Amino acid sequence: MQLTIKQIDLERPLLLLVVVWALSMISLPIVKYFYGVAAITAGVVVTVLLQTTAVLWVMVRAWGARRTLIAAAIVAALTWLVEAIGTATGYPFGLYDYTDKLQPQLAHVPLLIPLAWLMMLPPAWGVAALITGRWRGAGFILVSALALTAWDLFLDPQMVAWGLWVWREPGGYFGIPWLNYGGWILTAVILTAAVRPQPLPVWPLLIIYTITWALETIGQLFFWNLPGPALVGGLIMGAFVLLAWQKVKREE
């Protein structure tokens, strides 16, 4: 199966998007220093919108606008539904609530949240395709789900620390219930099976996944006072980064 590793199509608009997104991530500690904790929320919105735009660019160039729109709509609708069910019932993630910092909201779910799922799911697909050598099948779906969930080892502790959501029954992973991670795996499996992604250029997706891992690890370790999630997330998400890059190196 063609993984398109050699098709390193970092067009100038995409390269610019990735650079601006990375710089926006790097600037968050500076924003906090000059404008206080309240400004972080605006920074989160900007980084999510930029990363989502970069990922959609990759998808549109590979799939065309129509297929990308359908895939994005499936991801957005399903993740909003799962989050709405989750905040109402505690399943499949555990009992949690979004604060009023992220607006607008629909059924107590910020509309930014489906975009956050969308911005990281295709990079997880790219990593899974490299590791498994496939864009379909149970192995690809499971590795995609695990690669995406590895990111949440950073995300949940950080967003709780920033006051964007709260857990009613804090759990064992730095205050995050273990059930949450089972819910992430289940949701990612459902999303990937529903979209049935066709091959995408894995190079830009791997770059986005790698930058996310590097900046989350460095940021939480040195700027956000979250050394535990930094080390655990750095090791586990880093394992996916390492395996994927090893596959790229073998293909060269």
Protein backbone atom coordinates (compact mmCIF):
# COMPACT_ATOMS: atom_id res chain seq x y z
CA MET A 1 0.00 0.00 0.00
CA GLN A 2 1.27 3.45 -0.89
CA LEU A 3 1.86 5.59 2.21
CA THR A 4 3.06 8.56 0.14
CA ILE A 5 6.07 9.03 2.41
CA LYS A 6 8.04 10.37 -0.54
CA GLN A 7 5.38 12.93 -1.40
CA ILE A 8 6.73 15.61 0.91
CA ASP A 9 4.29 18.26 -0.26
CA LEU A 10 4.96 21.05 2.21
CA GLU A 11 3.52 23.79 0.03
CA ARG A 12 4.19 27.33 1.11
CA PRO A 13 0.68 27.96 2.50
CA LEU A 14 0.84 24.75 4.56
CA LEU A 15 4.38 25.45 5.72
CA LEU A 16 3.32 28.95 6.75
CA LEU A 17 0.32 27.58 8.65
CA VAL A 18 2.46 25.06 10.51
CA VAL A 19 5.07 27.68 11.41
CA VAL A 20 2.47 30.19 12.62
CA TRP A 21 0.68 27.47 14.60
CA ALA A 22 3.94 26.33 16.23
CA LEU A 23 4.83 29.92 17.10
CA SER A 24 1.39 30.43 18.62
CA MET A 25 1.99 27.39 20.83
CA ILE A 26 5.43 28.65 21.83
CA SER A 27 4.01 32.08 22.64
CA LEU A 28 1.51 30.85 25.25
CA PRO A 29 3.91 31.22 28.22
CA ILE A 30 4.78 34.72 26.98
CA VAL A 31 1.08 35.60 26.69
CA LYS A 32 0.53 34.41 30.25
CA TYR A 33 3.50 36.40 31.52
CA PHE A 34 2.36 39.70 30.02
CA TYR A 35 -1.43 39.36 30.09
CA GLY A 36 -2.15 36.89 32.88
CA VAL A 37 -3.89 33.53 33.09
CA ALA A 38 -7.13 34.90 31.61
CA ALA A 39 -5.40 35.45 28.25
CA ILE A 40 -4.51 31.77 27.94
CA THR A 41 -8.05 30.91 26.84
CA ALA A 42 -7.75 33.19 23.82
CA GLY A 43 -4.39 31.61 23.05
CA VAL A 44 -5.92 28.13 23.17
CA VAL A 45 -8.62 29.19 20.70
CA VAL A 46 -6.03 30.59 18.29
CA THR A 47 -3.79 27.51 18.43
CA VAL A 48 -6.72 25.13 17.86
CA LEU A 49 -8.01 27.13 14.89
CA LEU A 50 -4.54 27.30 13.31
CA GLN A 51 -3.80 23.61 13.76
CA THR A 52 -7.25 22.62 12.50
CA THR A 53 -6.73 24.76 9.41
CA ALA A 54 -3.35 23.14 8.71
CA VAL A 55 -4.79 19.63 9.04
CA LEU A 56 -7.78 20.48 6.85
CA TRP A 57 -5.39 21.84 4.23
CA VAL A 58 -3.65 18.44 4.08
CA MET A 59 -6.99 16.66 3.82
CA VAL A 60 -8.40 18.93 1.12
CA ARG A 61 -5.28 18.64 -1.03
CA ALA A 62 -5.43 14.83 -0.80
CA TRP A 63 -9.18 14.13 -0.74
CA GLY A 64 -10.79 17.19 -2.26
CA ALA A 65 -13.20 19.57 -0.58
CA ARG A 66 -16.27 17.33 -0.67
CA ARG A 67 -14.77 14.27 1.01
CA THR A 68 -12.93 16.45 3.53
CA LEU A 69 -16.15 18.27 4.42
CA ILE A 70 -17.96 14.96 4.93
CA ALA A 71 -15.16 13.59 7.12
CA ALA A 72 -14.94 16.81 9.14
CA ALA A 73 -18.72 16.84 9.62
CA ILE A 74 -18.68 13.23 10.85
CA VAL A 75 -15.89 13.95 13.33
CA ALA A 76 -17.47 17.20 14.54
CA ALA A 77 -20.97 15.75 14.93
CA LEU A 78 -19.88 12.55 16.65
CA THR A 79 -17.45 14.23 19.03
CA TRP A 80 -20.00 16.88 19.99
CA LEU A 81 -22.54 14.11 20.63
CA VAL A 82 -20.12 12.04 22.71
CA GLU A 83 -19.08 15.11 24.71
CA ALA A 84 -22.70 16.12 25.30
CA ILE A 85 -23.52 12.61 26.50
CA GLY A 86 -20.36 12.61 28.59
CA THR A 87 -21.12 15.84 30.42
CA ALA A 88 -24.71 14.75 31.02
CA THR A 89 -24.12 11.15 32.12
CA GLY A 90 -20.45 10.66 32.96
CA TYR A 91 -19.99 8.12 30.15
CA PRO A 92 -17.70 7.31 28.45
CA PHE A 93 -15.15 9.66 30.05
CA GLY A 94 -16.27 10.09 33.64
CA LEU A 95 -18.06 12.92 35.42
CA TYR A 96 -16.82 16.29 34.19
CA ASP A 97 -18.06 19.78 33.34
CA TYR A 98 -16.81 22.48 31.04
CA THR A 99 -16.40 25.87 32.67
CA ASP A 100 -17.72 29.01 31.00
CA LYS A 101 -14.27 30.05 29.74
CA LEU A 102 -14.62 28.45 26.31
CA GLN A 103 -17.51 30.02 24.40
CA PRO A 104 -19.80 29.54 22.55
CA GLN A 105 -21.26 26.32 23.92
CA LEU A 106 -24.02 23.99 22.79
CA ALA A 107 -25.53 21.65 25.39
CA HIS A 108 -22.70 22.65 27.74
CA VAL A 109 -20.05 21.61 25.20
CA PRO A 110 -17.76 24.32 23.78
CA LEU A 111 -17.92 24.34 19.99
CA LEU A 112 -14.13 24.46 19.96
CA ILE A 113 -13.91 20.92 21.37
CA PRO A 114 -14.91 19.06 18.16
CA LEU A 115 -12.23 21.06 16.35
CA ALA A 116 -9.67 19.88 18.90
CA TRP A 117 -10.57 16.28 18.09
CA LEU A 118 -10.41 17.06 14.38
CA MET A 119 -7.02 18.72 14.55
CA MET A 120 -5.30 15.67 16.09
CA LEU A 121 -7.20 12.71 14.63
CA PRO A 122 -5.66 12.86 11.10
CA PRO A 123 -2.11 13.20 12.53
CA ALA A 124 -2.86 10.09 14.61
CA TRP A 125 -4.03 8.37 11.40
CA GLY A 126 -0.77 9.29 9.72
CA VAL A 127 1.27 7.90 12.60
CA ALA A 128 -0.80 4.71 12.65
CA ALA A 129 -0.43 4.27 8.89
CA LEU A 130 3.33 4.50 9.20
CA ILE A 131 3.53 2.10 12.14
CA THR A 132 1.13 -0.50 10.73
CA GLY A 133 1.84 0.00 7.02
CA ARG A 134 -1.90 0.20 6.37
CA TRP A 135 -4.75 2.71 6.11
CA ARG A 136 -7.41 0.19 7.06
CA GLY A 137 -8.09 -2.79 9.28
CA ALA A 138 -8.35 -3.39 13.01
CA GLY A 139 -4.65 -2.78 13.64
CA PHE A 140 -4.69 0.61 11.96
CA ILE A 141 -7.85 1.66 13.83
CA LEU A 142 -6.48 0.57 17.21
CA VAL A 143 -3.07 2.22 16.75
CA SER A 144 -4.82 5.42 15.59
CA ALA A 145 -6.91 5.40 18.77
CA LEU A 146 -3.88 4.80 20.98
CA ALA A 147 -1.81 7.48 19.22
CA LEU A 148 -4.60 10.01 19.73
CA THR A 149 -5.18 9.01 23.36
CA ALA A 150 -1.46 9.41 24.07
CA TRP A 151 -1.91 13.12 23.37
CA ASP A 152 -4.59 13.33 26.07
CA LEU A 153 -2.00 12.33 28.65
CA PHE A 154 -0.84 15.92 28.18
CA LEU A 155 -4.13 17.58 27.34
CA ASP A 156 -6.44 16.77 30.22
CA PRO A 157 -4.10 17.69 33.10
CA GLN A 158 -3.18 20.93 31.32
CA MET A 159 -6.74 22.02 30.54
CA VAL A 160 -7.83 21.26 34.10
CA ALA A 161 -4.89 23.30 35.41
CA TRP A 162 -6.01 26.17 33.16
CA GLY A 163 -9.60 25.91 34.40
CA LEU A 164 -11.22 24.99 31.08
CA TRP A 165 -12.97 21.94 32.54
CA VAL A 166 -13.24 20.22 35.91
CA TRP A 167 -13.68 16.63 37.06
CA ARG A 168 -16.38 15.97 39.64
CA GLU A 169 -14.65 12.78 40.77
CA PRO A 170 -10.90 13.28 40.22
CA GLY A 171 -9.06 10.07 39.51
CA GLY A 172 -5.66 8.47 39.58
CA TYR A 173 -3.79 10.00 36.63
CA PHE A 174 -2.81 13.40 38.04
CA GLY A 175 -6.44 14.06 38.95
CA ILE A 176 -7.93 12.56 35.77
CA PRO A 177 -10.13 9.42 36.07
CA TRP A 178 -8.72 6.37 34.33
CA LEU A 179 -12.13 5.89 32.71
CA ASN A 180 -11.42 9.00 30.65
CA TYR A 181 -8.68 7.25 28.70
CA GLY A 182 -10.84 4.24 27.97
CA GLY A 183 -13.44 6.69 26.67
CA TRP A 184 -10.86 8.34 24.44
CA ILE A 185 -9.80 5.02 22.94
CA LEU A 186 -13.41 3.98 22.35
CA THR A 187 -14.33 7.33 20.80
CA ALA A 188 -11.27 7.37 18.53
CA VAL A 189 -12.03 3.83 17.36
CA ILE A 190 -15.62 4.83 16.50
CA LEU A 191 -14.48 7.99 14.70
CA THR A 192 -11.86 6.22 12.60
CA ALA A 193 -14.23 3.40 11.71
CA ALA A 194 -16.94 5.91 10.78
CA VAL A 195 -14.71 8.08 8.57
CA ARG A 196 -12.79 5.16 7.00
CA PRO A 197 -9.90 7.47 6.05
CA GLN A 198 -8.28 7.11 2.66
CA PRO A 199 -4.50 7.58 2.37
CA LEU A 200 -3.12 11.01 3.18
CA PRO A 201 0.41 12.43 2.81
CA VAL A 202 1.90 11.18 6.07
CA TRP A 203 4.85 13.57 6.15
CA PRO A 204 3.01 16.79 7.14
CA LEU A 205 0.77 14.84 9.53
CA LEU A 206 3.82 13.33 11.24
CA ILE A 207 5.42 16.76 11.52
CA ILE A 208 2.30 18.14 13.23
CA TYR A 209 2.14 15.16 15.59
CA THR A 210 5.84 15.49 16.41
CA ILE A 211 5.69 19.24 17.04
CA THR A 212 2.69 18.71 19.32
CA TRP A 213 4.59 16.09 21.32
CA ALA A 214 7.76 18.21 21.59
CA LEU A 215 6.04 21.45 22.58
CA GLU A 216 3.73 19.73 25.08
CA THR A 217 6.66 17.97 26.73
CA ILE A 218 8.84 21.07 26.93
CA GLY A 219 5.98 23.38 27.89
CA GLN A 220 4.63 21.26 30.72
CA LEU A 221 8.08 20.44 32.04
CA PHE A 222 9.54 23.95 32.05
CA PHE A 223 6.67 26.46 31.89
CA TRP A 224 3.40 24.97 33.16
CA ASN A 225 4.58 23.18 36.32
CA LEU A 226 3.20 19.81 35.19
CA PRO A 227 6.29 17.58 35.36
CA GLY A 228 4.31 14.35 35.87
CA PRO A 229 2.17 14.62 32.72
CA ALA A 230 5.21 15.97 30.85
CA LEU A 231 7.24 12.85 31.63
CA VAL A 232 4.46 10.30 31.14
CA GLY A 233 3.05 11.95 28.03
CA GLY A 234 6.53 12.59 26.72
CA LEU A 235 7.44 8.91 27.00
CA ILE A 236 4.19 7.40 25.69
CA MET A 237 3.39 9.86 22.90
CA GLY A 238 7.11 9.95 22.19
CA ALA A 239 7.06 6.19 21.59
CA PHE A 240 4.59 6.71 18.74
CA VAL A 241 6.75 9.52 17.36
CA LEU A 242 9.84 7.30 17.48
CA LEU A 243 8.15 4.31 15.84
CA ALA A 244 6.73 6.48 13.05
CA TRP A 245 10.04 8.23 12.32
CA GLN A 246 11.84 4.90 12.28
CA LYS A 247 9.45 3.77 9.56
CA VAL A 248 10.16 6.95 7.57
CA LYS A 249 13.90 6.35 7.89
CA ARG A 250 13.58 2.74 6.69
CA GLU A 251 11.62 3.94 3.64
CA GLU A 252 14.30 6.44 2.62
